[in-house]
Amino acid sequence: GLNVGGVDLGLSFTDYSYDSDGYGGQQEIAVSASVKGLGLSYT
């Protein structure tokens, strides 16, 4: 994450895994932006 012109920007990658059979897993890439308490994200 970094701040550009007063806007907080973020980029992330998350891997979800499970011990139980049948749950598979998920992988996500997310981007986000927030300013003055208002935030928007897309995953």
PDB file of all heavy atoms in Angstrom:
ATOM      1  N   GLY A   1       0.807  -1.199   0.000  1.00  0.00           N
ATOM      2  CA  GLY A   1       0.000   0.000   0.000  1.00  0.00           C
ATOM      3  C   GLY A   1       0.843   1.253   0.000  1.00  0.00           C
ATOM      4  O   GLY A   1       1.980   1.255   0.478  1.00  0.00           O
ATOM      5  N   LEU A   2       0.301   2.306  -0.554  1.00  0.00           N
ATOM      6  CA  LEU A   2       0.980   3.594  -0.577  1.00  0.00           C
ATOM      7  C   LEU A   2      -0.056   4.693  -0.662  1.00  0.00           C
ATOM      8  O   LEU A   2      -1.218   4.452  -1.012  1.00  0.00           O
ATOM      9  CB  LEU A   2       1.972   3.690  -1.725  1.00  0.00           C
ATOM     10  CG  LEU A   2       1.406   3.854  -3.157  1.00  0.00           C
ATOM     11  CD1 LEU A   2       2.518   4.313  -4.086  1.00  0.00           C
ATOM     12  CD2 LEU A   2       0.795   2.554  -3.679  1.00  0.00           C
ATOM     13  N   ASN A   3       0.376   5.895  -0.331  1.00  0.00           N
ATOM     14  CA  ASN A   3      -0.496   7.062  -0.388  1.00  0.00           C
ATOM     15  C   ASN A   3      -0.057   7.947  -1.542  1.00  0.00           C
ATOM     16  O   ASN A   3       1.109   8.348  -1.618  1.00  0.00           O
ATOM     17  CB  ASN A   3      -0.451   7.832   0.931  1.00  0.00           C
ATOM     18  CG  ASN A   3      -1.422   8.991   0.965  1.00  0.00           C
ATOM     19  OD1 ASN A   3      -1.177  10.049   0.391  1.00  0.00           O
ATOM     20  ND2 ASN A   3      -2.537   8.805   1.655  1.00  0.00           N
ATOM     21  N   VAL A   4      -0.988   8.253  -2.444  1.00  0.00           N
ATOM     22  CA  VAL A   4      -0.698   9.093  -3.600  1.00  0.00           C
ATOM     23  C   VAL A   4      -1.686  10.255  -3.605  1.00  0.00           C
ATOM     24  O   VAL A   4      -2.888  10.055  -3.787  1.00  0.00           O
ATOM     25  CB  VAL A   4      -0.807   8.301  -4.916  1.00  0.00           C
ATOM     26  CG1 VAL A   4      -0.532   9.224  -6.107  1.00  0.00           C
ATOM     27  CG2 VAL A   4       0.152   7.121  -4.922  1.00  0.00           C
ATOM     28  N   GLY A   5      -1.183  11.456  -3.372  1.00  0.00           N
ATOM     29  CA  GLY A   5      -2.032  12.636  -3.400  1.00  0.00           C
ATOM     30  C   GLY A   5      -3.181  12.594  -2.414  1.00  0.00           C
ATOM     31  O   GLY A   5      -4.277  13.083  -2.715  1.00  0.00           O
ATOM     32  N   GLY A   6      -2.951  11.977  -1.258  1.00  0.00           N
ATOM     33  CA  GLY A   6      -3.993  11.890  -0.244  1.00  0.00           C
ATOM     34  C   GLY A   6      -4.922  10.703  -0.393  1.00  0.00           C
ATOM     35  O   GLY A   6      -5.855  10.540   0.401  1.00  0.00           O
ATOM     36  N   VAL A   7      -4.687   9.850  -1.404  1.00  0.00           N
ATOM     37  CA  VAL A   7      -5.493   8.654  -1.621  1.00  0.00           C
ATOM     38  C   VAL A   7      -4.687   7.426  -1.237  1.00  0.00           C
ATOM     39  O   VAL A   7      -3.559   7.238  -1.715  1.00  0.00           O
ATOM     40  CB  VAL A   7      -5.947   8.539  -3.093  1.00  0.00           C
ATOM     41  CG1 VAL A   7      -6.778   7.275  -3.298  1.00  0.00           C
ATOM     42  CG2 VAL A   7      -6.724   9.777  -3.505  1.00  0.00           C
ATOM     43  N   ASP A   8      -5.234   6.583  -0.364  1.00  0.00           N
ATOM     44  CA  ASP A   8      -4.583   5.339   0.028  1.00  0.00           C
ATOM     45  C   ASP A   8      -4.900   4.258  -0.997  1.00  0.00           C
ATOM     46  O   ASP A   8      -6.076   3.944  -1.241  1.00  0.00           O
ATOM     47  CB  ASP A   8      -5.057   4.893   1.410  1.00  0.00           C
ATOM     48  CG  ASP A   8      -4.593   5.830   2.510  1.00  0.00           C
ATOM     49  OD1 ASP A   8      -3.483   6.382   2.383  1.00  0.00           O
ATOM     50  OD2 ASP A   8      -5.346   6.010   3.496  1.00  0.00           O
ATOM     51  N   LEU A   9      -3.855   3.696  -1.608  1.00  0.00           N
ATOM     52  CA  LEU A   9      -4.010   2.656  -2.621  1.00  0.00           C
ATOM     53  C   LEU A   9      -3.441   1.346  -2.103  1.00  0.00           C
ATOM     54  O   LEU A   9      -2.425   1.333  -1.395  1.00  0.00           O
ATOM     55  CB  LEU A   9      -3.289   3.047  -3.912  1.00  0.00           C
ATOM     56  CG  LEU A   9      -3.707   4.380  -4.549  1.00  0.00           C
ATOM     57  CD1 LEU A   9      -2.828   4.689  -5.748  1.00  0.00           C
ATOM     58  CD2 LEU A   9      -5.183   4.344  -4.954  1.00  0.00           C
ATOM     59  N   GLY A  10      -4.089   0.241  -2.443  1.00  0.00           N
ATOM     60  CA  GLY A  10      -3.618  -1.065  -1.991  1.00  0.00           C
ATOM     61  C   GLY A  10      -3.738  -2.120  -3.062  1.00  0.00           C
ATOM     62  O   GLY A  10      -4.635  -2.069  -3.915  1.00  0.00           O
ATOM     63  N   LEU A  11      -2.807  -3.088  -3.033  1.00  0.00           N
ATOM     64  CA  LEU A  11      -2.805  -4.233  -3.937  1.00  0.00           C
ATOM     65  C   LEU A  11      -2.454  -5.458  -3.102  1.00  0.00           C
ATOM     66  O   LEU A  11      -1.508  -5.424  -2.316  1.00  0.00           O
ATOM     67  CB  LEU A  11      -1.780  -4.039  -5.053  1.00  0.00           C
ATOM     68  CG  LEU A  11      -1.543  -5.236  -5.993  1.00  0.00           C
ATOM     69  CD1 LEU A  11      -2.791  -5.523  -6.826  1.00  0.00           C
ATOM     70  CD2 LEU A  11      -0.336  -4.970  -6.892  1.00  0.00           C
ATOM     71  N   SER A  12      -3.220  -6.551  -3.254  1.00  0.00           N
ATOM     72  CA  SER A  12      -2.962  -7.723  -2.422  1.00  0.00           C
ATOM     73  C   SER A  12      -3.250  -9.012  -3.170  1.00  0.00           C
ATOM     74  O   SER A  12      -4.023  -9.047  -4.138  1.00  0.00           O
ATOM     75  CB  SER A  12      -3.814  -7.678  -1.145  1.00  0.00           C
ATOM     76  OG  SER A  12      -5.196  -7.792  -1.455  1.00  0.00           O
ATOM     77  N   PHE A  13      -2.607 -10.088  -2.701  1.00  0.00           N
ATOM     78  CA  PHE A  13      -2.870 -11.446  -3.168  1.00  0.00           C
ATOM     79  C   PHE A  13      -3.110 -12.320  -1.955  1.00  0.00           C
ATOM     80  O   PHE A  13      -2.346 -12.267  -0.983  1.00  0.00           O
ATOM     81  CB  PHE A  13      -1.704 -12.010  -3.988  1.00  0.00           C
ATOM     82  CG  PHE A  13      -1.866 -13.476  -4.301  1.00  0.00           C
ATOM     83  CD1 PHE A  13      -2.678 -13.881  -5.350  1.00  0.00           C
ATOM     84  CD2 PHE A  13      -1.229 -14.440  -3.536  1.00  0.00           C
ATOM     85  CE1 PHE A  13      -2.852 -15.228  -5.635  1.00  0.00           C
ATOM     86  CE2 PHE A  13      -1.385 -15.785  -3.812  1.00  0.00           C
ATOM     87  CZ  PHE A  13      -2.195 -16.190  -4.864  1.00  0.00           C
ATOM     88  N   THR A  14      -4.171 -13.134  -1.986  1.00  0.00           N
ATOM     89  CA  THR A  14      -4.498 -14.018  -0.875  1.00  0.00           C
ATOM     90  C   THR A  14      -4.762 -15.425  -1.382  1.00  0.00           C
ATOM     91  O   THR A  14      -5.465 -15.619  -2.378  1.00  0.00           O
ATOM     92  CB  THR A  14      -5.748 -13.528  -0.111  1.00  0.00           C
ATOM     93  OG1 THR A  14      -5.560 -12.183   0.311  1.00  0.00           O
ATOM     94  CG2 THR A  14      -6.010 -14.402   1.112  1.00  0.00           C
ATOM     95  N   ASP A  15      -4.176 -16.415  -0.677  1.00  0.00           N
ATOM     96  CA  ASP A  15      -4.423 -17.820  -0.982  1.00  0.00           C
ATOM     97  C   ASP A  15      -5.149 -18.439   0.214  1.00  0.00           C
ATOM     98  O   ASP A  15      -4.660 -18.392   1.340  1.00  0.00           O
ATOM     99  CB  ASP A  15      -3.112 -18.565  -1.240  1.00  0.00           C
ATOM    100  CG  ASP A  15      -3.338 -20.037  -1.486  1.00  0.00           C
ATOM    101  OD1 ASP A  15      -3.651 -20.404  -2.633  1.00  0.00           O
ATOM    102  OD2 ASP A  15      -3.190 -20.833  -0.524  1.00  0.00           O
ATOM    103  N   TYR A  16      -6.337 -19.013  -0.038  1.00  0.00           N
ATOM    104  CA  TYR A  16      -7.140 -19.656   1.007  1.00  0.00           C
ATOM    105  C   TYR A  16      -7.010 -21.174   0.852  1.00  0.00           C
ATOM    106  O   TYR A  16      -7.263 -21.717  -0.228  1.00  0.00           O
ATOM    107  CB  TYR A  16      -8.616 -19.284   0.883  1.00  0.00           C
ATOM    108  CG  TYR A  16      -8.916 -17.806   0.920  1.00  0.00           C
ATOM    109  CD1 TYR A  16      -8.827 -17.024  -0.232  1.00  0.00           C
ATOM    110  CD2 TYR A  16      -9.327 -17.180   2.100  1.00  0.00           C
ATOM    111  CE1 TYR A  16      -9.128 -15.671  -0.208  1.00  0.00           C
ATOM    112  CE2 TYR A  16      -9.634 -15.828   2.136  1.00  0.00           C
ATOM    113  CZ  TYR A  16      -9.530 -15.075   0.973  1.00  0.00           C
ATOM    114  OH  TYR A  16      -9.824 -13.733   0.989  1.00  0.00           O
ATOM    115  N   SER A  17      -6.639 -21.872   1.918  1.00  0.00           N
ATOM    116  CA  SER A  17      -6.559 -23.332   1.877  1.00  0.00           C
ATOM    117  C   SER A  17      -7.241 -23.904   3.120  1.00  0.00           C
ATOM    118  O   SER A  17      -7.425 -23.208   4.123  1.00  0.00           O
ATOM    119  CB  SER A  17      -5.106 -23.807   1.800  1.00  0.00           C
ATOM    120  OG  SER A  17      -4.367 -23.370   2.938  1.00  0.00           O
ATOM    121  N   TYR A  18      -7.600 -25.211   3.043  1.00  0.00           N
ATOM    122  CA  TYR A  18      -8.399 -25.836   4.096  1.00  0.00           C
ATOM    123  C   TYR A  18      -7.897 -27.241   4.378  1.00  0.00           C
ATOM    124  O   TYR A  18      -7.475 -27.963   3.469  1.00  0.00           O
ATOM    125  CB  TYR A  18      -9.875 -25.879   3.687  1.00  0.00           C
ATOM    126  CG  TYR A  18     -10.402 -24.539   3.231  1.00  0.00           C
ATOM    127  CD1 TYR A  18     -10.311 -24.154   1.882  1.00  0.00           C
ATOM    128  CD2 TYR A  18     -10.947 -23.637   4.125  1.00  0.00           C
ATOM    129  CE1 TYR A  18     -10.779 -22.924   1.453  1.00  0.00           C
ATOM    130  CE2 TYR A  18     -11.410 -22.392   3.707  1.00  0.00           C
ATOM    131  CZ  TYR A  18     -11.320 -22.047   2.367  1.00  0.00           C
ATOM    132  OH  TYR A  18     -11.757 -20.812   1.949  1.00  0.00           O
ATOM    133  N   ASP A  19      -7.977 -27.644   5.654  1.00  0.00           N
ATOM    134  CA  ASP A  19      -7.576 -28.998   6.040  1.00  0.00           C
ATOM    135  C   ASP A  19      -8.630 -30.030   5.669  1.00  0.00           C
ATOM    136  O   ASP A  19      -8.306 -31.179   5.378  1.00  0.00           O
ATOM    137  CB  ASP A  19      -7.321 -29.064   7.553  1.00  0.00           C
ATOM    138  CG  ASP A  19      -6.087 -28.282   7.965  1.00  0.00           C
ATOM    139  OD1 ASP A  19      -5.212 -28.076   7.103  1.00  0.00           O
ATOM    140  OD2 ASP A  19      -5.997 -27.882   9.139  1.00  0.00           O
ATOM    141  N   SER A  20      -9.899 -29.642   5.688  1.00  0.00           N
ATOM    142  CA  SER A  20     -10.987 -30.589   5.446  1.00  0.00           C
ATOM    143  C   SER A  20     -11.136 -30.886   3.953  1.00  0.00           C
ATOM    144  O   SER A  20     -10.962 -30.007   3.109  1.00  0.00           O
ATOM    145  CB  SER A  20     -12.299 -30.025   5.984  1.00  0.00           C
ATOM    146  OG  SER A  20     -12.210 -29.803   7.383  1.00  0.00           O
ATOM    147  N   ASP A  21     -11.480 -32.130   3.645  1.00  0.00           N
ATOM    148  CA  ASP A  21     -11.707 -32.526   2.258  1.00  0.00           C
ATOM    149  C   ASP A  21     -12.973 -31.866   1.729  1.00  0.00           C
ATOM    150  O   ASP A  21     -13.930 -31.626   2.455  1.00  0.00           O
ATOM    151  CB  ASP A  21     -11.854 -34.043   2.163  1.00  0.00           C
ATOM    152  CG  ASP A  21     -10.566 -34.772   2.517  1.00  0.00           C
ATOM    153  OD1 ASP A  21      -9.489 -34.163   2.365  1.00  0.00           O
ATOM    154  OD2 ASP A  21     -10.643 -35.945   2.952  1.00  0.00           O
ATOM    155  N   GLY A  22     -12.983 -31.574   0.432  1.00  0.00           N
ATOM    156  CA  GLY A  22     -14.166 -31.040  -0.210  1.00  0.00           C
ATOM    157  C   GLY A  22     -14.265 -29.530  -0.209  1.00  0.00           C
ATOM    158  O   GLY A  22     -15.182 -28.976  -0.817  1.00  0.00           O
ATOM    159  N   TYR A  23     -13.321 -28.848   0.470  1.00  0.00           N
ATOM    160  CA  TYR A  23     -13.401 -27.399   0.523  1.00  0.00           C
ATOM    161  C   TYR A  23     -12.560 -26.728  -0.566  1.00  0.00           C
ATOM    162  O   TYR A  23     -12.709 -25.548  -0.814  1.00  0.00           O
ATOM    163  CB  TYR A  23     -12.946 -26.897   1.902  1.00  0.00           C
ATOM    164  CG  TYR A  23     -14.017 -27.007   2.958  1.00  0.00           C
ATOM    165  CD1 TYR A  23     -14.174 -28.182   3.682  1.00  0.00           C
ATOM    166  CD2 TYR A  23     -14.870 -25.953   3.232  1.00  0.00           C
ATOM    167  CE1 TYR A  23     -15.158 -28.306   4.660  1.00  0.00           C
ATOM    168  CE2 TYR A  23     -15.852 -26.058   4.205  1.00  0.00           C
ATOM    169  CZ  TYR A  23     -15.982 -27.237   4.911  1.00  0.00           C
ATOM    170  OH  TYR A  23     -16.955 -27.346   5.872  1.00  0.00           O
ATOM    171  N   GLY A  24     -11.669 -27.477  -1.204  1.00  0.00           N
ATOM    172  CA  GLY A  24     -10.867 -26.891  -2.274  1.00  0.00           C
ATOM    173  C   GLY A  24     -10.039 -25.732  -1.778  1.00  0.00           C
ATOM    174  O   GLY A  24      -9.405 -25.785  -0.724  1.00  0.00           O
ATOM    175  N   GLY A  25     -10.058 -24.643  -2.518  1.00  0.00           N
ATOM    176  CA  GLY A  25      -9.305 -23.457  -2.127  1.00  0.00           C
ATOM    177  C   GLY A  25      -9.624 -22.314  -3.055  1.00  0.00           C
ATOM    178  O   GLY A  25     -10.265 -22.481  -4.098  1.00  0.00           O
ATOM    179  N   GLN A  26      -9.193 -21.127  -2.669  1.00  0.00           N
ATOM    180  CA  GLN A  26      -9.415 -19.937  -3.476  1.00  0.00           C
ATOM    181  C   GLN A  26      -8.130 -19.117  -3.549  1.00  0.00           C
ATOM    182  O   GLN A  26      -7.301 -19.160  -2.630  1.00  0.00           O
ATOM    183  CB  GLN A  26     -10.532 -19.056  -2.902  1.00  0.00           C
ATOM    184  CG  GLN A  26     -11.895 -19.707  -2.817  1.00  0.00           C
ATOM    185  CD  GLN A  26     -12.080 -20.508  -1.552  1.00  0.00           C
ATOM    186  OE1 GLN A  26     -11.619 -20.110  -0.490  1.00  0.00           O
ATOM    187  NE2 GLN A  26     -12.757 -21.635  -1.657  1.00  0.00           N
ATOM    188  N   GLN A  27      -7.994 -18.383  -4.647  1.00  0.00           N
ATOM    189  CA  GLN A  27      -6.909 -17.423  -4.813  1.00  0.00           C
ATOM    190  C   GLN A  27      -7.519 -16.108  -5.280  1.00  0.00           C
ATOM    191  O   GLN A  27      -8.377 -16.109  -6.166  1.00  0.00           O
ATOM    192  CB  GLN A  27      -5.865 -17.907  -5.829  1.00  0.00           C
ATOM    193  CG  GLN A  27      -5.110 -19.171  -5.417  1.00  0.00           C
ATOM    194  CD  GLN A  27      -5.929 -20.432  -5.618  1.00  0.00           C
ATOM    195  OE1 GLN A  27      -6.613 -20.569  -6.631  1.00  0.00           O
ATOM    196  NE2 GLN A  27      -5.868 -21.352  -4.673  1.00  0.00           N
ATOM    197  N   GLU A  28      -7.078 -15.009  -4.668  1.00  0.00           N
ATOM    198  CA  GLU A  28      -7.659 -13.706  -4.986  1.00  0.00           C
ATOM    199  C   GLU A  28      -6.589 -12.644  -5.178  1.00  0.00           C
ATOM    200  O   GLU A  28      -5.572 -12.636  -4.472  1.00  0.00           O
ATOM    201  CB  GLU A  28      -8.581 -13.242  -3.856  1.00  0.00           C
ATOM    202  CG  GLU A  28      -9.812 -14.100  -3.646  1.00  0.00           C
ATOM    203  CD  GLU A  28     -10.712 -13.577  -2.544  1.00  0.00           C
ATOM    204  OE1 GLU A  28     -10.285 -12.659  -1.802  1.00  0.00           O
ATOM    205  OE2 GLU A  28     -11.837 -14.072  -2.417  1.00  0.00           O
ATOM    206  N   ILE A  29      -6.829 -11.761  -6.126  1.00  0.00           N
ATOM    207  CA  ILE A  29      -6.053 -10.535  -6.298  1.00  0.00           C
ATOM    208  C   ILE A  29      -7.013  -9.372  -6.100  1.00  0.00           C
ATOM    209  O   ILE A  29      -8.106  -9.355  -6.683  1.00  0.00           O
ATOM    210  CB  ILE A  29      -5.404 -10.470  -7.692  1.00  0.00           C
ATOM    211  CG1 ILE A  29      -4.388 -11.595  -7.863  1.00  0.00           C
ATOM    212  CG2 ILE A  29      -4.736  -9.106  -7.905  1.00  0.00           C
ATOM    213  CD1 ILE A  29      -3.763 -11.641  -9.242  1.00  0.00           C
ATOM    214  N   ALA A  30      -6.633  -8.429  -5.253  1.00  0.00           N
ATOM    215  CA  ALA A  30      -7.522  -7.322  -4.919  1.00  0.00           C
ATOM    216  C   ALA A  30      -6.810  -5.988  -5.059  1.00  0.00           C
ATOM    217  O   ALA A  30      -5.618  -5.869  -4.777  1.00  0.00           O
ATOM    218  CB  ALA A  30      -8.063  -7.467  -3.496  1.00  0.00           C
ATOM    219  N   VAL A  31      -7.553  -4.986  -5.506  1.00  0.00           N
ATOM    220  CA  VAL A  31      -7.062  -3.608  -5.549  1.00  0.00           C
ATOM    221  C   VAL A  31      -8.047  -2.752  -4.757  1.00  0.00           C
ATOM    222  O   VAL A  31      -9.259  -3.035  -4.730  1.00  0.00           O
ATOM    223  CB  VAL A  31      -6.920  -3.082  -6.988  1.00  0.00           C
ATOM    224  CG1 VAL A  31      -5.813  -3.811  -7.728  1.00  0.00           C
ATOM    225  CG2 VAL A  31      -8.234  -3.206  -7.736  1.00  0.00           C
ATOM    226  N   SER A  32      -7.538  -1.716  -4.102  1.00  0.00           N
ATOM    227  CA  SER A  32      -8.411  -0.882  -3.283  1.00  0.00           C
ATOM    228  C   SER A  32      -7.929   0.560  -3.299  1.00  0.00           C
ATOM    229  O   SER A  32      -6.754   0.847  -3.563  1.00  0.00           O
ATOM    230  CB  SER A  32      -8.458  -1.396  -1.840  1.00  0.00           C
ATOM    231  OG  SER A  32      -7.164  -1.318  -1.240  1.00  0.00           O
ATOM    232  N   ALA A  33      -8.862   1.460  -3.005  1.00  0.00           N
ATOM    233  CA  ALA A  33      -8.545   2.882  -2.890  1.00  0.00           C
ATOM    234  C   ALA A  33      -9.472   3.475  -1.842  1.00  0.00           C
ATOM    235  O   ALA A  33     -10.645   3.108  -1.753  1.00  0.00           O
ATOM    236  CB  ALA A  33      -8.727   3.601  -4.225  1.00  0.00           C
ATOM    237  N   SER A  34      -8.935   4.384  -1.038  1.00  0.00           N
ATOM    238  CA  SER A  34      -9.759   5.039  -0.029  1.00  0.00           C
ATOM    239  C   SER A  34      -9.284   6.466   0.177  1.00  0.00           C
ATOM    240  O   SER A  34      -8.088   6.762   0.059  1.00  0.00           O
ATOM    241  CB  SER A  34      -9.716   4.271   1.299  1.00  0.00           C
ATOM    242  OG  SER A  34      -8.408   4.256   1.835  1.00  0.00           O
ATOM    243  N   VAL A  35     -10.230   7.333   0.481  1.00  0.00           N
ATOM    244  CA  VAL A  35      -9.925   8.733   0.741  1.00  0.00           C
ATOM    245  C   VAL A  35     -10.981   9.294   1.679  1.00  0.00           C
ATOM    246  O   VAL A  35     -12.178   9.090   1.481  1.00  0.00           O
ATOM    247  CB  VAL A  35      -9.848   9.544  -0.578  1.00  0.00           C
ATOM    248  CG1 VAL A  35     -11.163   9.482  -1.348  1.00  0.00           C
ATOM    249  CG2 VAL A  35      -9.456  10.984  -0.301  1.00  0.00           C
ATOM    250  N   LYS A  36     -10.522   9.941   2.739  1.00  0.00           N
ATOM    251  CA  LYS A  36     -11.408  10.591   3.703  1.00  0.00           C
ATOM    252  C   LYS A  36     -12.505   9.656   4.204  1.00  0.00           C
ATOM    253  O   LYS A  36     -13.675  10.033   4.316  1.00  0.00           O
ATOM    254  CB  LYS A  36     -12.010  11.858   3.098  1.00  0.00           C
ATOM    255  CG  LYS A  36     -10.969  12.926   2.766  1.00  0.00           C
ATOM    256  CD  LYS A  36     -11.611  14.185   2.229  1.00  0.00           C
ATOM    257  CE  LYS A  36     -10.540  15.251   1.958  1.00  0.00           C
ATOM    258  NZ  LYS A  36     -11.125  16.507   1.436  1.00  0.00           N
ATOM    259  N   GLY A  37     -12.131   8.421   4.491  1.00  0.00           N
ATOM    260  CA  GLY A  37     -13.063   7.463   5.071  1.00  0.00           C
ATOM    261  C   GLY A  37     -13.878   6.665   4.081  1.00  0.00           C
ATOM    262  O   GLY A  37     -14.546   5.691   4.458  1.00  0.00           O
ATOM    263  N   LEU A  38     -13.857   7.052   2.804  1.00  0.00           N
ATOM    264  CA  LEU A  38     -14.621   6.352   1.778  1.00  0.00           C
ATOM    265  C   LEU A  38     -13.708   5.403   1.013  1.00  0.00           C
ATOM    266  O   LEU A  38     -12.672   5.819   0.497  1.00  0.00           O
ATOM    267  CB  LEU A  38     -15.257   7.351   0.818  1.00  0.00           C
ATOM    268  CG  LEU A  38     -16.153   6.773  -0.281  1.00  0.00           C
ATOM    269  CD1 LEU A  38     -17.375   6.082   0.320  1.00  0.00           C
ATOM    270  CD2 LEU A  38     -16.571   7.869  -1.254  1.00  0.00           C
ATOM    271  N   GLY A  39     -14.089   4.129   0.950  1.00  0.00           N
ATOM    272  CA  GLY A  39     -13.237   3.142   0.310  1.00  0.00           C
ATOM    273  C   GLY A  39     -13.950   2.339  -0.757  1.00  0.00           C
ATOM    274  O   GLY A  39     -15.164   2.097  -0.683  1.00  0.00           O
ATOM    275  N   LEU A  40     -13.203   1.927  -1.768  1.00  0.00           N
ATOM    276  CA  LEU A  40     -13.712   1.114  -2.863  1.00  0.00           C
ATOM    277  C   LEU A  40     -12.698   0.016  -3.153  1.00  0.00           C
ATOM    278  O   LEU A  40     -11.489   0.284  -3.208  1.00  0.00           O
ATOM    279  CB  LEU A  40     -13.935   1.966  -4.115  1.00  0.00           C
ATOM    280  CG  LEU A  40     -14.408   1.242  -5.382  1.00  0.00           C
ATOM    281  CD1 LEU A  40     -15.829   0.708  -5.199  1.00  0.00           C
ATOM    282  CD2 LEU A  40     -14.332   2.183  -6.594  1.00  0.00           C
ATOM    283  N   SER A  41     -13.169  -1.216  -3.325  1.00  0.00           N
ATOM    284  CA  SER A  41     -12.252  -2.312  -3.632  1.00  0.00           C
ATOM    285  C   SER A  41     -12.843  -3.232  -4.688  1.00  0.00           C
ATOM    286  O   SER A  41     -14.073  -3.365  -4.812  1.00  0.00           O
ATOM    287  CB  SER A  41     -11.921  -3.125  -2.372  1.00  0.00           C
ATOM    288  OG  SER A  41     -13.023  -3.921  -1.986  1.00  0.00           O
ATOM    289  N   TYR A  42     -11.943  -3.874  -5.443  1.00  0.00           N
ATOM    290  CA  TYR A  42     -12.346  -4.865  -6.437  1.00  0.00           C
ATOM    291  C   TYR A  42     -11.452  -6.086  -6.262  1.00  0.00           C
ATOM    292  O   TYR A  42     -10.221  -5.975  -6.190  1.00  0.00           O
ATOM    293  CB  TYR A  42     -12.201  -4.328  -7.861  1.00  0.00           C
ATOM    294  CG  TYR A  42     -12.466  -5.391  -8.911  1.00  0.00           C
ATOM    295  CD1 TYR A  42     -13.772  -5.727  -9.258  1.00  0.00           C
ATOM    296  CD2 TYR A  42     -11.414  -6.067  -9.514  1.00  0.00           C
ATOM    297  CE1 TYR A  42     -14.015  -6.719 -10.203  1.00  0.00           C
ATOM    298  CE2 TYR A  42     -11.644  -7.054 -10.460  1.00  0.00           C
ATOM    299  CZ  TYR A  42     -12.949  -7.377 -10.790  1.00  0.00           C
ATOM    300  OH  TYR A  42     -13.190  -8.366 -11.712  1.00  0.00           O
ATOM    301  N   THR A  43     -12.073  -7.261  -6.184  1.00  0.00           N
ATOM    302  CA  THR A  43     -11.359  -8.524  -6.008  1.00  0.00           C
ATOM    303  C   THR A  43     -11.696  -9.466  -7.139  1.00  0.00           C
ATOM    304  O   THR A  43     -12.873  -9.647  -7.487  1.00  0.00           O
ATOM    305  CB  THR A  43     -11.727  -9.182  -4.665  1.00  0.00           C
ATOM    306  OG1 THR A  43     -11.395  -8.307  -3.591  1.00  0.00           O
ATOM    307  CG2 THR A  43     -10.998 -10.502  -4.491  1.00  0.00           C
TER     308      THR A  43
END
